[in-house]
Amino acid sequence: MAVKINKKNILILNCFAMRFKINTMKIKGVLFDMDGVLVDSEWFICEAAVRMFAELGLTVKRDDFLPFVGAGENRYLGGVAEKYNFPLEIERAKARVYTIYDEIIPGKLEALPGVNEFIRLCRSKGLKLALATSADKRKMETNLNEIGLAGDVFDVKINGLDVERKKPFPDIYILAAEKIGLKPEDCLVVEDAVNGIEAGRKAGARTLALTTSFDSSFFSDADWIGEDLSKVGEEVISW
């Protein structure tokens, strides 16, 4: 393993394409985002949203949704509607997006590389696990069922309907930590979105950014950076 220390006292782990800050804290739990961390469903939900807007007579671009990734479906759809000054009945639009989504994903979703192995590693270390997704409960349950992570894989599952303020506000990670009986500072937040990393940091947790949706240049504030969970070593859960 090629290792060097830079001026900011950060270890660069070349073989894992990630970095982490030295500390003496003891991790007790891991808080997972869902889309882009456990499953790559971003393309499909974006496709469903594009089709929904097209049905309403508005042509939108996939890039229009990028600023709102990880902020929950209300903001994901509402933000694009605002960009085009397009009136949108958000609940009706969201229901239609989910219907289209349910039609296009069967047999197409699978857990991202390293997900199952990383979860087993966390369990072997005695860590508590929580899911904290900005997605609504309907999408959360659909995705988990599709990739085989439903049931009691997680000690707690928090969705976007459980909090009023969505990411980048820290509320969902504060609640997730509370529900597993921990303080956020004792937890690692695993995210793929800029909004999610900001939420984790504001909550007081350590953060691992995965570059499944954004490249590493967007995650200068993350404690660790990795391509996906298959490229992550035990270092991220050994502090």
C-alpha atoms as a PDB file:
ATOM      1  CA  MET A   1       0.000   0.000   0.000  1.00  0.00           C
ATOM      2  CA  ALA A   2       1.399   3.367  -1.045  1.00  0.00           C
ATOM      3  CA  VAL A   3       0.940   5.789   1.854  1.00  0.00           C
ATOM      4  CA  LYS A   4       2.147   9.344   2.326  1.00  0.00           C
ATOM      5  CA  ILE A   5       1.275  12.208   4.649  1.00  0.00           C
ATOM      6  CA  ASN A   6       0.572  15.643   3.217  1.00  0.00           C
ATOM      7  CA  LYS A   7       0.899  19.050   4.857  1.00  0.00           C
ATOM      8  CA  LYS A   8      -2.564  18.804   6.384  1.00  0.00           C
ATOM      9  CA  ASN A   9      -1.663  15.567   8.149  1.00  0.00           C
ATOM     10  CA  ILE A  10      -4.022  13.546   5.955  1.00  0.00           C
ATOM     11  CA  LEU A  11      -3.144   9.995   4.957  1.00  0.00           C
ATOM     12  CA  ILE A  12      -3.556   9.327   1.264  1.00  0.00           C
ATOM     13  CA  LEU A  13      -4.495   5.687   0.758  1.00  0.00           C
ATOM     14  CA  ASN A  14      -3.683   5.153  -2.902  1.00  0.00           C
ATOM     15  CA  CYS A  15      -4.858   1.573  -3.117  1.00  0.00           C
ATOM     16  CA  PHE A  16      -8.327   2.559  -1.925  1.00  0.00           C
ATOM     17  CA  ALA A  17      -8.413   5.932  -3.720  1.00  0.00           C
ATOM     18  CA  MET A  18      -9.515   7.615  -0.496  1.00  0.00           C
ATOM     19  CA  ARG A  19      -8.281   9.734   2.399  1.00  0.00           C
ATOM     20  CA  PHE A  20      -8.999  10.020   6.120  1.00  0.00           C
ATOM     21  CA  LYS A  21      -8.068  12.209   9.066  1.00  0.00           C
ATOM     22  CA  ILE A  22      -6.275  10.708  12.045  1.00  0.00           C
ATOM     23  CA  ASN A  23      -8.342  10.767  15.215  1.00  0.00           C
ATOM     24  CA  THR A  24      -8.811   8.880  18.456  1.00  0.00           C
ATOM     25  CA  MET A  25     -12.595   8.610  18.527  1.00  0.00           C
ATOM     26  CA  LYS A  26     -14.444   5.318  18.732  1.00  0.00           C
ATOM     27  CA  ILE A  27     -17.036   4.646  16.082  1.00  0.00           C
ATOM     28  CA  LYS A  28     -20.258   3.012  17.283  1.00  0.00           C
ATOM     29  CA  GLY A  29     -22.601   3.266  14.312  1.00  0.00           C
ATOM     30  CA  VAL A  30     -22.884   3.765  10.564  1.00  0.00           C
ATOM     31  CA  LEU A  31     -25.619   5.868   8.958  1.00  0.00           C
ATOM     32  CA  PHE A  32     -26.193   5.011   5.298  1.00  0.00           C
ATOM     33  CA  ASP A  33     -27.779   7.072   2.576  1.00  0.00           C
ATOM     34  CA  MET A  34     -29.528   4.876   0.016  1.00  0.00           C
ATOM     35  CA  ASP A  35     -29.387   6.138  -3.583  1.00  0.00           C
ATOM     36  CA  GLY A  36     -25.818   6.150  -4.851  1.00  0.00           C
ATOM     37  CA  VAL A  37     -24.556   4.361  -1.730  1.00  0.00           C
ATOM     38  CA  LEU A  38     -26.483   1.093  -1.583  1.00  0.00           C
ATOM     39  CA  VAL A  39     -28.094   1.154  -5.018  1.00  0.00           C
ATOM     40  CA  ASP A  40     -27.682   3.159  -8.204  1.00  0.00           C
ATOM     41  CA  SER A  41     -31.237   4.282  -8.835  1.00  0.00           C
ATOM     42  CA  GLU A  42     -30.490   7.903  -9.732  1.00  0.00           C
ATOM     43  CA  TRP A  43     -30.730   7.268 -13.487  1.00  0.00           C
ATOM     44  CA  PHE A  44     -34.121   5.613 -13.119  1.00  0.00           C
ATOM     45  CA  ILE A  45     -35.725   8.221 -10.844  1.00  0.00           C
ATOM     46  CA  CYS A  46     -34.388  10.949 -13.110  1.00  0.00           C
ATOM     47  CA  GLU A  47     -35.806   9.174 -16.158  1.00  0.00           C
ATOM     48  CA  ALA A  48     -39.166   8.868 -14.427  1.00  0.00           C
ATOM     49  CA  ALA A  49     -39.096  12.578 -13.570  1.00  0.00           C
ATOM     50  CA  VAL A  50     -38.160  13.577 -17.121  1.00  0.00           C
ATOM     51  CA  ARG A  51     -41.075  11.512 -18.446  1.00  0.00           C
ATOM     52  CA  MET A  52     -43.474  13.016 -15.915  1.00  0.00           C
ATOM     53  CA  PHE A  53     -42.553  16.558 -16.928  1.00  0.00           C
ATOM     54  CA  ALA A  54     -42.870  15.582 -20.595  1.00  0.00           C
ATOM     55  CA  GLU A  55     -46.412  14.363 -19.942  1.00  0.00           C
ATOM     56  CA  LEU A  56     -47.170  17.811 -18.538  1.00  0.00           C
ATOM     57  CA  GLY A  57     -45.738  19.482 -21.637  1.00  0.00           C
ATOM     58  CA  LEU A  58     -42.346  20.566 -20.262  1.00  0.00           C
ATOM     59  CA  THR A  59     -39.050  19.340 -21.696  1.00  0.00           C
ATOM     60  CA  VAL A  60     -36.338  19.187 -19.045  1.00  0.00           C
ATOM     61  CA  LYS A  61     -32.728  18.003 -19.044  1.00  0.00           C
ATOM     62  CA  ARG A  62     -31.207  15.364 -16.811  1.00  0.00           C
ATOM     63  CA  ASP A  63     -28.598  17.877 -15.639  1.00  0.00           C
ATOM     64  CA  ASP A  64     -31.396  20.074 -14.308  1.00  0.00           C
ATOM     65  CA  PHE A  65     -31.829  17.653 -11.414  1.00  0.00           C
ATOM     66  CA  LEU A  66     -28.197  17.517 -10.268  1.00  0.00           C
ATOM     67  CA  PRO A  67     -28.361  20.403  -7.742  1.00  0.00           C
ATOM     68  CA  PHE A  68     -31.230  18.642  -5.992  1.00  0.00           C
ATOM     69  CA  VAL A  69     -29.808  15.124  -5.701  1.00  0.00           C
ATOM     70  CA  GLY A  70     -30.122  13.903  -2.131  1.00  0.00           C
ATOM     71  CA  ALA A  71     -32.564  16.625  -1.092  1.00  0.00           C
ATOM     72  CA  GLY A  72     -35.723  14.505  -1.282  1.00  0.00           C
ATOM     73  CA  GLU A  73     -38.267  14.101  -4.057  1.00  0.00           C
ATOM     74  CA  ASN A  74     -40.210  17.276  -3.229  1.00  0.00           C
ATOM     75  CA  ARG A  75     -37.130  19.402  -3.770  1.00  0.00           C
ATOM     76  CA  TYR A  76     -35.864  17.176  -6.596  1.00  0.00           C
ATOM     77  CA  LEU A  77     -39.018  17.835  -8.623  1.00  0.00           C
ATOM     78  CA  GLY A  78     -39.891  21.236  -7.221  1.00  0.00           C
ATOM     79  CA  GLY A  79     -36.437  22.664  -7.832  1.00  0.00           C
ATOM     80  CA  VAL A  80     -36.598  21.820 -11.531  1.00  0.00           C
ATOM     81  CA  ALA A  81     -40.116  23.213 -11.800  1.00  0.00           C
ATOM     82  CA  GLU A  82     -38.915  26.461 -10.209  1.00  0.00           C
ATOM     83  CA  LYS A  83     -36.039  26.688 -12.669  1.00  0.00           C
ATOM     84  CA  TYR A  84     -38.514  26.763 -15.549  1.00  0.00           C
ATOM     85  CA  ASN A  85     -41.114  28.795 -13.633  1.00  0.00           C
ATOM     86  CA  PHE A  86     -43.463  25.868 -14.211  1.00  0.00           C
ATOM     87  CA  PRO A  87     -46.471  25.377 -11.899  1.00  0.00           C
ATOM     88  CA  LEU A  88     -46.430  21.916 -10.340  1.00  0.00           C
ATOM     89  CA  GLU A  89     -48.797  20.092  -7.991  1.00  0.00           C
ATOM     90  CA  ILE A  90     -45.993  18.370  -6.114  1.00  0.00           C
ATOM     91  CA  GLU A  91     -47.907  15.484  -4.537  1.00  0.00           C
ATOM     92  CA  ARG A  92     -49.644  14.545  -7.766  1.00  0.00           C
ATOM     93  CA  ALA A  93     -46.387  14.893  -9.714  1.00  0.00           C
ATOM     94  CA  LYS A  94     -44.507  12.787  -7.180  1.00  0.00           C
ATOM     95  CA  ALA A  95     -47.133  10.045  -7.282  1.00  0.00           C
ATOM     96  CA  ARG A  96     -46.858   9.926 -11.071  1.00  0.00           C
ATOM     97  CA  VAL A  97     -43.052   9.782 -10.914  1.00  0.00           C
ATOM     98  CA  TYR A  98     -43.229   6.840  -8.507  1.00  0.00           C
ATOM     99  CA  THR A  99     -45.686   5.030 -10.774  1.00  0.00           C
ATOM    100  CA  ILE A 100     -43.355   5.440 -13.751  1.00  0.00           C
ATOM    101  CA  TYR A 101     -40.394   4.470 -11.563  1.00  0.00           C
ATOM    102  CA  ASP A 102     -42.130   1.279 -10.420  1.00  0.00           C
ATOM    103  CA  GLU A 103     -42.772   0.400 -14.052  1.00  0.00           C
ATOM    104  CA  ILE A 104     -39.177   0.763 -15.253  1.00  0.00           C
ATOM    105  CA  ILE A 105     -37.065  -0.678 -12.420  1.00  0.00           C
ATOM    106  CA  PRO A 106     -38.143  -4.337 -11.975  1.00  0.00           C
ATOM    107  CA  GLY A 107     -35.105  -6.533 -12.513  1.00  0.00           C
ATOM    108  CA  LYS A 108     -32.853  -3.554 -13.182  1.00  0.00           C
ATOM    109  CA  LEU A 109     -31.686  -2.592  -9.692  1.00  0.00           C
ATOM    110  CA  GLU A 110     -28.940  -4.323  -7.766  1.00  0.00           C
ATOM    111  CA  ALA A 111     -26.803  -3.515  -4.771  1.00  0.00           C
ATOM    112  CA  LEU A 112     -23.705  -1.500  -5.650  1.00  0.00           C
ATOM    113  CA  PRO A 113     -20.280  -3.191  -5.407  1.00  0.00           C
ATOM    114  CA  GLY A 114     -19.153  -3.958  -1.874  1.00  0.00           C
ATOM    115  CA  VAL A 115     -22.453  -3.131  -0.164  1.00  0.00           C
ATOM    116  CA  ASN A 116     -23.197  -6.546   1.302  1.00  0.00           C
ATOM    117  CA  GLU A 117     -19.592  -7.127   2.286  1.00  0.00           C
ATOM    118  CA  PHE A 118     -19.311  -3.741   3.994  1.00  0.00           C
ATOM    119  CA  ILE A 119     -22.529  -4.298   5.933  1.00  0.00           C
ATOM    120  CA  ARG A 120     -21.234  -7.683   7.115  1.00  0.00           C
ATOM    121  CA  LEU A 121     -17.944  -6.054   8.139  1.00  0.00           C
ATOM    122  CA  CYS A 122     -19.786  -3.423  10.158  1.00  0.00           C
ATOM    123  CA  ARG A 123     -21.846  -6.096  11.874  1.00  0.00           C
ATOM    124  CA  SER A 124     -18.722  -8.100  12.680  1.00  0.00           C
ATOM    125  CA  LYS A 125     -17.396  -5.022  14.476  1.00  0.00           C
ATOM    126  CA  GLY A 126     -20.578  -4.756  16.544  1.00  0.00           C
ATOM    127  CA  LEU A 127     -21.657  -1.477  14.942  1.00  0.00           C
ATOM    128  CA  LYS A 128     -25.249  -0.300  14.841  1.00  0.00           C
ATOM    129  CA  LEU A 129     -26.616   0.441  11.387  1.00  0.00           C
ATOM    130  CA  ALA A 130     -29.229   2.941  10.252  1.00  0.00           C
ATOM    131  CA  LEU A 131     -30.601   3.884   6.857  1.00  0.00           C
ATOM    132  CA  ALA A 132     -31.249   7.613   6.420  1.00  0.00           C
ATOM    133  CA  THR A 133     -32.624   8.429   2.987  1.00  0.00           C
ATOM    134  CA  SER A 134     -34.312  11.587   1.760  1.00  0.00           C
ATOM    135  CA  ALA A 135     -36.485   9.422  -0.479  1.00  0.00           C
ATOM    136  CA  ASP A 136     -40.093   8.856   0.516  1.00  0.00           C
ATOM    137  CA  LYS A 137     -41.032   5.586   2.223  1.00  0.00           C
ATOM    138  CA  ARG A 138     -42.510   4.160  -0.984  1.00  0.00           C
ATOM    139  CA  LYS A 139     -39.285   4.490  -2.926  1.00  0.00           C
ATOM    140  CA  MET A 140     -37.173   3.351   0.043  1.00  0.00           C
ATOM    141  CA  GLU A 141     -39.108   0.125   0.431  1.00  0.00           C
ATOM    142  CA  THR A 142     -39.184  -0.531  -3.323  1.00  0.00           C
ATOM    143  CA  ASN A 143     -35.425  -0.125  -3.630  1.00  0.00           C
ATOM    144  CA  LEU A 144     -34.590  -2.235  -0.578  1.00  0.00           C
ATOM    145  CA  ASN A 145     -36.844  -5.043  -1.781  1.00  0.00           C
ATOM    146  CA  GLU A 146     -35.289  -4.959  -5.257  1.00  0.00           C
ATOM    147  CA  ILE A 147     -31.717  -5.273  -3.939  1.00  0.00           C
ATOM    148  CA  GLY A 148     -32.427  -7.745  -1.139  1.00  0.00           C
ATOM    149  CA  LEU A 149     -31.805  -5.408   1.796  1.00  0.00           C
ATOM    150  CA  ALA A 150     -35.307  -5.300   3.249  1.00  0.00           C
ATOM    151  CA  GLY A 151     -36.183  -6.824   6.627  1.00  0.00           C
ATOM    152  CA  ASP A 152     -33.870  -6.334   9.599  1.00  0.00           C
ATOM    153  CA  VAL A 153     -30.644  -5.546   7.734  1.00  0.00           C
ATOM    154  CA  PHE A 154     -30.732  -2.102   9.367  1.00  0.00           C
ATOM    155  CA  ASP A 155     -31.541  -1.433  13.002  1.00  0.00           C
ATOM    156  CA  VAL A 156     -33.499   1.649  11.977  1.00  0.00           C
ATOM    157  CA  LYS A 157     -34.803   2.996   8.666  1.00  0.00           C
ATOM    158  CA  ILE A 158     -35.512   6.728   8.354  1.00  0.00           C
ATOM    159  CA  ASN A 159     -37.053   8.183   5.195  1.00  0.00           C
ATOM    160  CA  GLY A 160     -37.709  11.690   3.956  1.00  0.00           C
ATOM    161  CA  LEU A 161     -41.222  11.745   5.361  1.00  0.00           C
ATOM    162  CA  ASP A 162     -39.826  11.393   8.896  1.00  0.00           C
ATOM    163  CA  VAL A 163     -38.242  14.850   8.909  1.00  0.00           C
ATOM    164  CA  GLU A 164     -39.519  18.241   7.815  1.00  0.00           C
ATOM    165  CA  ARG A 165     -36.149  19.687   6.822  1.00  0.00           C
ATOM    166  CA  LYS A 166     -34.345  17.582   4.245  1.00  0.00           C
ATOM    167  CA  LYS A 167     -30.624  17.376   3.463  1.00  0.00           C
ATOM    168  CA  PRO A 168     -28.451  19.505   3.509  1.00  0.00           C
ATOM    169  CA  PHE A 169     -30.034  20.159   6.914  1.00  0.00           C
ATOM    170  CA  PRO A 170     -28.692  17.656   9.473  1.00  0.00           C
ATOM    171  CA  ASP A 171     -32.077  16.614  10.867  1.00  0.00           C
ATOM    172  CA  ILE A 172     -32.277  13.168   9.269  1.00  0.00           C
ATOM    173  CA  TYR A 173     -28.844  12.105  10.549  1.00  0.00           C
ATOM    174  CA  ILE A 174     -29.476  13.495  14.013  1.00  0.00           C
ATOM    175  CA  LEU A 175     -32.729  11.507  14.117  1.00  0.00           C
ATOM    176  CA  ALA A 176     -31.121   8.333  12.742  1.00  0.00           C
ATOM    177  CA  ALA A 177     -28.360   8.442  15.374  1.00  0.00           C
ATOM    178  CA  GLU A 178     -30.912   9.088  18.104  1.00  0.00           C
ATOM    179  CA  LYS A 179     -33.043   6.130  16.996  1.00  0.00           C
ATOM    180  CA  ILE A 180     -30.099   3.740  17.382  1.00  0.00           C
ATOM    181  CA  GLY A 181     -29.205   5.248  20.748  1.00  0.00           C
ATOM    182  CA  LEU A 182     -26.070   7.102  19.674  1.00  0.00           C
ATOM    183  CA  LYS A 183     -24.722  10.612  19.311  1.00  0.00           C
ATOM    184  CA  PRO A 184     -23.979  11.718  15.726  1.00  0.00           C
ATOM    185  CA  GLU A 185     -20.315  12.271  16.613  1.00  0.00           C
ATOM    186  CA  ASP A 186     -20.023   8.538  17.328  1.00  0.00           C
ATOM    187  CA  CYS A 187     -21.244   7.697  13.823  1.00  0.00           C
ATOM    188  CA  LEU A 188     -19.969   7.508  10.275  1.00  0.00           C
ATOM    189  CA  VAL A 189     -22.252   8.909   7.574  1.00  0.00           C
ATOM    190  CA  VAL A 190     -21.900   7.255   4.161  1.00  0.00           C
ATOM    191  CA  GLU A 191     -23.067   9.492   1.309  1.00  0.00           C
ATOM    192  CA  ASP A 192     -22.725  10.072  -2.423  1.00  0.00           C
ATOM    193  CA  ALA A 193     -24.255  13.551  -2.635  1.00  0.00           C
ATOM    194  CA  VAL A 194     -22.924  16.984  -1.748  1.00  0.00           C
ATOM    195  CA  ASN A 195     -26.135  17.756   0.145  1.00  0.00           C
ATOM    196  CA  GLY A 196     -25.723  14.544   2.147  1.00  0.00           C
ATOM    197  CA  ILE A 197     -22.121  15.153   3.119  1.00  0.00           C
ATOM    198  CA  GLU A 198     -23.064  18.644   4.274  1.00  0.00           C
ATOM    199  CA  ALA A 199     -25.916  17.185   6.330  1.00  0.00           C
ATOM    200  CA  GLY A 200     -23.615  14.631   7.945  1.00  0.00           C
ATOM    201  CA  ARG A 201     -21.004  17.230   8.823  1.00  0.00           C
ATOM    202  CA  LYS A 202     -23.591  19.610  10.265  1.00  0.00           C
ATOM    203  CA  ALA A 203     -24.910  16.750  12.405  1.00  0.00           C
ATOM    204  CA  GLY A 204     -21.416  16.303  13.835  1.00  0.00           C
ATOM    205  CA  ALA A 205     -20.680  12.908  12.285  1.00  0.00           C
ATOM    206  CA  ARG A 206     -17.634  11.748  10.366  1.00  0.00           C
ATOM    207  CA  THR A 207     -18.331  11.434   6.650  1.00  0.00           C
ATOM    208  CA  LEU A 208     -17.397   9.011   3.892  1.00  0.00           C
ATOM    209  CA  ALA A 209     -18.115  10.325   0.385  1.00  0.00           C
ATOM    210  CA  LEU A 210     -18.543   7.827  -2.443  1.00  0.00           C
ATOM    211  CA  THR A 211     -17.899   9.094  -5.958  1.00  0.00           C
ATOM    212  CA  THR A 212     -20.768   7.166  -7.539  1.00  0.00           C
ATOM    213  CA  SER A 213     -22.701  10.340  -8.410  1.00  0.00           C
ATOM    214  CA  PHE A 214     -20.178  13.208  -8.151  1.00  0.00           C
ATOM    215  CA  ASP A 215     -16.411  13.218  -8.617  1.00  0.00           C
ATOM    216  CA  SER A 216     -14.030  13.690  -5.712  1.00  0.00           C
ATOM    217  CA  SER A 217     -13.548  17.431  -6.367  1.00  0.00           C
ATOM    218  CA  PHE A 218     -17.002  18.018  -4.860  1.00  0.00           C
ATOM    219  CA  PHE A 219     -16.068  16.415  -1.528  1.00  0.00           C
ATOM    220  CA  SER A 220     -13.215  18.480  -0.114  1.00  0.00           C
ATOM    221  CA  ASP A 221     -14.974  18.597   3.260  1.00  0.00           C
ATOM    222  CA  ALA A 222     -15.465  14.829   3.593  1.00  0.00           C
ATOM    223  CA  ASP A 223     -13.263  12.879   6.022  1.00  0.00           C
ATOM    224  CA  TRP A 224     -12.878   9.984   3.599  1.00  0.00           C
ATOM    225  CA  ILE A 225     -13.417   9.552  -0.127  1.00  0.00           C
ATOM    226  CA  GLY A 226     -13.839   6.275  -2.020  1.00  0.00           C
ATOM    227  CA  GLU A 227     -15.117   5.062  -5.378  1.00  0.00           C
ATOM    228  CA  ASP A 228     -17.701   2.748  -3.821  1.00  0.00           C
ATOM    229  CA  LEU A 229     -17.927   0.467  -0.796  1.00  0.00           C
ATOM    230  CA  SER A 230     -15.855  -2.228  -2.489  1.00  0.00           C
ATOM    231  CA  LYS A 231     -12.922   0.213  -2.476  1.00  0.00           C
ATOM    232  CA  VAL A 232     -13.229   1.074   1.198  1.00  0.00           C
ATOM    233  CA  GLY A 233     -10.920  -0.464   3.812  1.00  0.00           C
ATOM    234  CA  GLU A 234     -11.479  -1.116   7.494  1.00  0.00           C
ATOM    235  CA  GLU A 235      -9.833   2.224   8.288  1.00  0.00           C
ATOM    236  CA  VAL A 236     -13.166   4.041   7.886  1.00  0.00           C
ATOM    237  CA  ILE A 237     -14.746   2.044  10.718  1.00  0.00           C
ATOM    238  CA  SER A 238     -11.676   1.652  12.927  1.00  0.00           C
ATOM    239  CA  TRP A 239     -11.479   5.078  14.538  1.00  0.00           C
END
